[in-house]
C-alpha cells in the first residue's frame, strides 16, 4: 500500500512493461477480495475501493510485496459520485489511468412493504452506485491504446425472481440493461462492458441469505443450506476465486469481441 509520494505518469505506448491499473470496488471481502488477489497475481496495479478502511487494509495486506507499491486504498461510498471522483483522482495520480473497472460493490438482503422498506436503498447502492462507479471510471480511463474493460458483478437474481427480494432483483436486473446500453455507447472507444451473474457464492452475503432462509423455514442453518443446494444441479456453491478467475480472463486480453454480454456462473442453477 503506497503512502504519499511524487506523482507518477503512465505512458503505455512508451513503456509496455508498465503495469495495467484496475479499480475493484467492494474489495474488502468476498468476490472483490478474491478478484483483487487474482489480478495482483496476474501483475495488475490495483485501486481497492470500499466503505471500510479496515477491511480494505486487510485485503491490501494480502496483496502487497515488500515494496508496498502498486496497491492504493480508496475509501468511498459508491452512492456519492463526488467521493468516488476524489478517491480516484488520488489513485490515478499515483498508479496512472485505469485500464479496467470491476464494479463489484453491492448490498443484499430482503425488503418488505412498509415504513422500513429497503427498496430505494438497494437500488441506490446496487444500480445507481454502479452507474456512478462506471462513469467515474470512464473519466480516468487510459488513453485509447487498446481494449479497456468494465465488468459489473450482478447476480443470478437478475435472471430469476425471489419473493421478498424485490429490491435486490430489480436493482441487479437493471444492471444488465445498463451494461448493454453502455457497451453500445463505449464500443467506438474500444471499451468492453460486460456483466457477470454469480449464483450462490461462499461469501458473507450468501451465508446471511442462508441464515435468513433458515429463520423463515424454522430450521437449522445446515438444513436450509441443503435445501438451497438441492436446487443447484452441481449441488454446490462457487468459491469467490471461481468468479475472480472469470473476471481476470474477461479483462486479461483473451476475451476480445465479448461486450454487452451477461455471463453466468451458477453451477447450473439457471440455464
Protein backbone atom coordinates (compact mmCIF):
# COMPACT_ATOMS: atom_id res chain seq x y z
CA UNK A 1 0.00 0.00 0.00
CA UNK A 2 1.54 3.28 -1.03
CA UNK A 3 1.93 6.42 1.00
CA UNK A 4 2.09 9.99 -0.28
CA UNK A 5 4.90 10.40 -2.78
CA UNK A 6 5.68 12.11 -6.04
CA UNK A 7 3.07 11.84 -8.76
CA UNK A 8 3.84 9.20 -11.40
CA UNK A 9 2.77 9.23 -15.01
CA UNK A 10 1.87 6.23 -17.11
CA UNK A 11 2.64 6.03 -20.81
CA UNK A 12 1.79 2.50 -22.01
CA UNK A 13 2.97 3.33 -25.52
CA UNK A 14 6.42 4.39 -24.36
CA UNK A 15 6.85 1.59 -21.81
CA UNK A 16 4.93 -1.63 -22.45
CA UNK A 17 6.26 -3.02 -19.17
CA UNK A 18 4.18 -0.54 -17.17
CA UNK A 19 1.58 -2.47 -15.23
CA UNK A 20 -2.10 -2.17 -16.02
CA UNK A 21 -4.28 -0.50 -13.43
CA UNK A 22 -7.67 -1.83 -12.29
CA UNK A 23 -10.24 -0.42 -9.90
CA UNK A 24 -12.02 -3.09 -7.84
CA UNK A 25 -14.96 -1.95 -5.73
CA UNK A 26 -16.22 -3.92 -2.77
CA UNK A 27 -12.63 -5.12 -2.45
CA UNK A 28 -12.70 -5.65 1.30
CA UNK A 29 -14.42 -9.03 1.28
CA UNK A 30 -15.73 -11.90 -0.81
CA UNK A 31 -15.65 -11.71 -4.60
CA UNK A 32 -13.97 -8.29 -4.50
CA UNK A 33 -11.10 -9.51 -2.32
CA UNK A 34 -10.67 -12.65 -4.41
CA UNK A 35 -10.67 -10.61 -7.61
CA UNK A 36 -8.06 -8.24 -6.22
CA UNK A 37 -5.87 -11.20 -5.24
CA UNK A 38 -6.17 -12.78 -8.68
CA UNK A 39 -5.46 -9.56 -10.56
CA UNK A 40 -2.48 -8.79 -8.36
CA UNK A 41 -1.12 -12.26 -9.07
CA UNK A 42 -1.58 -11.51 -12.77
CA UNK A 43 0.54 -8.39 -12.45
CA UNK A 44 -2.03 -5.59 -12.16
CA UNK A 45 -1.72 -2.45 -10.11
CA UNK A 46 -4.88 -2.01 -8.08
CA UNK A 47 -7.13 0.58 -6.53
CA UNK A 48 -9.21 -1.10 -3.83
CA UNK A 49 -12.43 0.79 -3.13
CA UNK A 50 -14.95 0.28 -0.37
CA UNK A 51 -16.52 1.93 2.65
CA UNK A 52 -14.37 0.27 5.31
CA UNK A 53 -10.71 1.21 5.52
CA UNK A 54 -10.06 -1.71 7.89
CA UNK A 55 -11.33 -4.42 5.52
CA UNK A 56 -9.62 -2.78 2.55
CA UNK A 57 -6.43 -2.72 4.58
CA UNK A 58 -6.78 -6.42 5.31
CA UNK A 59 -7.08 -7.08 1.58
CA UNK A 60 -4.09 -4.86 0.83
CA UNK A 61 -2.00 -6.71 3.41
CA UNK A 62 -2.63 -9.91 1.47
CA UNK A 63 -1.52 -8.35 -1.80
CA UNK A 64 1.45 -6.08 -1.27
CA UNK A 65 5.03 -7.24 -1.59
CA UNK A 66 7.93 -5.92 0.43
CA UNK A 67 7.98 -2.71 -1.62
CA UNK A 68 4.40 -1.91 -0.64
CA UNK A 69 3.80 -0.35 -4.05
CA UNK A 70 1.09 -0.83 -6.65
CA UNK A 71 -1.93 -1.01 -4.36
CA UNK A 72 -3.99 2.03 -3.38
CA UNK A 73 -6.86 2.21 -0.90
CA UNK A 74 -9.83 4.37 -1.86
CA UNK A 75 -12.41 4.76 0.90
CA UNK A 76 -15.65 5.91 -0.69
CA UNK A 77 -19.37 5.22 -0.70
CA UNK A 78 -20.40 4.46 -4.28
CA UNK A 79 -23.68 6.33 -3.82
CA UNK A 80 -21.57 9.51 -3.59
CA UNK A 81 -20.17 10.31 -7.05
CA UNK A 82 -18.02 13.17 -5.77
CA UNK A 83 -16.37 10.87 -3.23
CA UNK A 84 -15.54 8.36 -5.98
CA UNK A 85 -14.07 11.10 -8.17
CA UNK A 86 -11.90 12.38 -5.33
CA UNK A 87 -10.64 8.93 -4.39
CA UNK A 88 -9.87 8.01 -7.99
CA UNK A 89 -8.01 11.26 -8.61
CA UNK A 90 -5.58 10.33 -5.84
CA UNK A 91 -5.02 6.76 -7.01
CA UNK A 92 -4.68 7.71 -10.68
CA UNK A 93 -2.05 10.31 -9.77
CA UNK A 94 -0.02 7.50 -8.22
CA UNK A 95 -0.73 4.49 -10.42
CA UNK A 96 -1.75 6.07 -13.72
CA UNK A 97 -5.10 5.93 -15.56
CA UNK A 98 -7.42 2.93 -15.40
CA UNK A 99 -7.38 0.02 -17.81
CA UNK A 100 -10.27 -1.80 -16.12
CA UNK A 101 -13.08 -1.29 -13.63
CA UNK A 102 -14.59 -4.20 -11.72
CA UNK A 103 -17.83 -2.84 -10.25
CA UNK A 104 -18.47 -5.38 -7.54
CA UNK A 105 -19.86 -3.34 -4.63
CA UNK A 106 -23.40 -4.18 -3.67
CA UNK A 107 -25.92 -4.60 -0.91
CA UNK A 108 -28.01 -7.69 -0.33
CA UNK A 109 -30.89 -8.90 1.74
CA UNK A 110 -34.67 -8.80 1.55
CA UNK A 111 -37.06 -5.86 1.63
CA UNK A 112 -40.69 -5.73 2.60
CA UNK A 113 -43.51 -3.19 2.15
CA UNK A 114 -43.91 -0.71 4.95
CA UNK A 115 -42.15 2.22 6.58
CA UNK A 116 -38.82 0.36 6.71
CA UNK A 117 -38.86 -0.88 3.11
CA UNK A 118 -35.26 -1.01 1.85
CA UNK A 119 -36.16 -0.92 -1.86
CA UNK A 120 -34.78 2.57 -2.50
CA UNK A 121 -31.58 1.85 -0.59
CA UNK A 122 -30.93 -1.33 -2.57
CA UNK A 123 -31.45 0.47 -5.86
CA UNK A 124 -29.28 3.38 -4.73
CA UNK A 125 -26.32 1.11 -3.96
CA UNK A 126 -26.64 -1.68 -6.50
CA UNK A 127 -27.82 0.23 -9.56
CA UNK A 128 -27.12 3.94 -9.08
CA UNK A 129 -23.87 3.25 -7.22
CA UNK A 130 -22.63 1.01 -10.01
CA UNK A 131 -23.55 3.66 -12.57
CA UNK A 132 -21.60 6.22 -10.53
CA UNK A 133 -18.61 3.89 -10.44
CA UNK A 134 -18.55 3.26 -14.17
CA UNK A 135 -18.98 6.92 -15.10
CA UNK A 136 -16.26 7.95 -12.68
CA UNK A 137 -14.00 5.26 -14.07
CA UNK A 138 -14.75 6.37 -17.60
CA UNK A 139 -13.37 9.82 -16.79
CA UNK A 140 -9.94 8.41 -15.90
CA UNK A 141 -9.51 5.59 -18.41
CA UNK A 142 -6.16 5.07 -20.04
CA UNK A 143 -5.67 6.62 -23.48
CA UNK A 144 -7.01 4.66 -26.43
CA UNK A 145 -4.15 2.18 -26.67
CA UNK A 146 -6.30 -0.94 -26.94
CA UNK A 147 -9.28 -2.54 -25.21
CA UNK A 148 -10.28 -1.25 -21.81
CA UNK A 149 -12.79 -3.12 -19.69
CA UNK A 150 -15.77 -2.59 -17.40
CA UNK A 151 -17.06 -5.68 -15.58
CA UNK A 152 -20.22 -5.43 -13.50
CA UNK A 153 -20.92 -8.10 -10.88
CA UNK A 154 -24.68 -8.67 -10.98
CA UNK A 155 -26.41 -11.81 -9.65
CA UNK A 156 -28.45 -14.84 -10.61
CA UNK A 157 -31.33 -12.83 -9.13
CA UNK A 158 -31.10 -10.68 -12.25
CA UNK A 159 -32.34 -13.83 -14.01
CA UNK A 160 -34.97 -15.13 -11.60
CA UNK A 161 -37.44 -13.66 -9.13
CA UNK A 162 -37.41 -14.44 -5.42
CA UNK A 163 -40.26 -13.44 -3.07
CA UNK A 164 -39.21 -10.79 -0.60
CA UNK A 165 -36.22 -9.71 -2.69
CA UNK A 166 -37.90 -7.20 -4.99
CA UNK A 167 -35.27 -4.52 -4.37
CA UNK A 168 -32.33 -6.82 -4.92
CA UNK A 169 -33.85 -8.47 -8.00
CA UNK A 170 -34.87 -5.15 -9.54
CA UNK A 171 -31.52 -3.48 -8.92
CA UNK A 172 -29.48 -6.39 -10.22
CA UNK A 173 -31.71 -6.79 -13.28
CA UNK A 174 -31.28 -3.10 -14.01
CA UNK A 175 -27.53 -3.66 -14.21
CA UNK A 176 -27.97 -5.87 -17.27
CA UNK A 177 -29.70 -3.07 -19.16
CA UNK A 178 -27.02 -0.64 -18.03
CA UNK A 179 -24.31 -2.96 -19.35
CA UNK A 180 -25.96 -3.34 -22.76
CA UNK A 181 -26.51 0.38 -23.21
CA UNK A 182 -23.05 1.35 -22.02
CA UNK A 183 -21.45 -1.32 -24.21
CA UNK A 184 -23.10 0.28 -27.25
CA UNK A 185 -22.13 3.76 -26.12
CA UNK A 186 -18.47 2.96 -25.48
CA UNK A 187 -17.82 0.49 -28.30
CA UNK A 188 -16.35 3.21 -30.57
CA UNK A 189 -13.72 3.82 -27.87
CA UNK A 190 -12.96 0.07 -27.62
CA UNK A 191 -14.24 -0.18 -24.06
CA UNK A 192 -15.71 -3.63 -23.44
CA UNK A 193 -18.60 -3.69 -20.96
CA UNK A 194 -19.90 -6.98 -19.56
CA UNK A 195 -21.80 -8.37 -16.61
CA UNK A 196 -21.13 -11.49 -14.58
CA UNK A 197 -24.07 -13.15 -12.81
CA UNK A 198 -22.88 -15.43 -10.00
CA UNK A 199 -25.24 -17.87 -8.35
CA UNK A 200 -24.58 -18.97 -4.79
CA UNK A 201 -21.03 -17.96 -3.85
CA UNK A 202 -19.48 -18.80 -0.49
CA UNK A 203 -19.38 -15.26 0.89
CA UNK A 204 -20.67 -13.47 3.97
CA UNK A 205 -23.64 -12.21 1.93
CA UNK A 206 -24.58 -15.72 0.83
CA UNK A 207 -24.23 -17.11 4.32
CA UNK A 208 -26.51 -14.35 5.60
CA UNK A 209 -29.02 -15.33 2.90
CA UNK A 210 -28.95 -18.95 4.04
CA UNK A 211 -29.42 -17.81 7.63
CA UNK A 212 -32.49 -15.79 6.58
CA UNK A 213 -33.86 -18.90 4.84
CA UNK A 214 -33.28 -20.94 7.97
CA UNK A 215 -35.22 -18.41 10.04
CA UNK A 216 -38.14 -18.32 7.61
CA UNK A 217 -38.23 -22.14 7.36
CA UNK A 218 -37.76 -22.55 11.12
CA UNK A 219 -34.91 -25.00 10.58
CA UNK A 220 -31.19 -25.02 11.26
CA UNK A 221 -28.58 -23.44 9.02
CA UNK A 222 -27.32 -26.76 7.63
CA UNK A 223 -30.86 -27.84 6.71
CA UNK A 224 -31.51 -24.57 4.91
CA UNK A 225 -28.18 -24.90 3.08
CA UNK A 226 -29.12 -28.41 1.96
CA UNK A 227 -32.44 -27.12 0.62
CA UNK A 228 -30.71 -24.32 -1.29
CA UNK A 229 -28.12 -26.67 -2.80
CA UNK A 230 -30.80 -29.18 -3.78
CA UNK A 231 -31.92 -26.65 -6.40
CA UNK A 232 -28.40 -26.37 -7.87
CA UNK A 233 -27.64 -29.13 -10.41
CA UNK A 234 -23.97 -29.37 -9.41
CA UNK A 235 -25.03 -29.23 -5.76
CA UNK A 236 -22.50 -26.67 -4.57
CA UNK A 237 -21.67 -23.02 -4.14
CA UNK A 238 -18.97 -21.36 -6.19
CA UNK A 239 -15.85 -20.14 -4.43
CA UNK A 240 -15.11 -16.41 -4.72
CA UNK A 241 -11.95 -17.42 -6.58
CA UNK A 242 -14.07 -19.04 -9.31
CA UNK A 243 -15.70 -15.70 -10.08
CA UNK A 244 -12.39 -13.89 -9.80
CA UNK A 245 -10.77 -16.20 -12.35
CA UNK A 246 -13.52 -15.49 -14.85
CA UNK A 247 -13.25 -11.73 -14.33
CA UNK A 248 -9.49 -11.95 -14.78
CA UNK A 249 -9.99 -13.74 -18.09
CA UNK A 250 -12.51 -11.16 -19.29
CA UNK A 251 -10.13 -8.26 -18.74
CA UNK A 252 -6.87 -10.08 -19.38
CA UNK A 253 -6.69 -9.67 -23.14
CA UNK A 254 -8.01 -13.03 -24.36
CA UNK A 255 -11.72 -12.13 -24.41
CA UNK A 256 -11.62 -9.79 -27.40
CA UNK A 257 -15.01 -9.34 -29.02
CA UNK A 258 -17.02 -10.00 -25.86
CA UNK A 259 -19.02 -6.90 -24.97
CA UNK A 260 -22.57 -6.16 -23.90
CA UNK A 261 -22.91 -9.69 -22.59
CA UNK A 262 -24.16 -11.24 -19.37
CA UNK A 263 -22.16 -14.30 -18.39
CA UNK A 264 -23.48 -16.77 -15.83
CA UNK A 265 -21.52 -18.76 -13.25
CA UNK A 266 -24.02 -20.62 -11.10
CA UNK A 267 -23.27 -24.36 -11.11
CA UNK A 268 -26.29 -24.88 -13.35
CA UNK A 269 -28.83 -23.13 -11.12
CA UNK A 270 -30.09 -21.08 -14.10
CA UNK A 271 -29.80 -22.30 -17.67
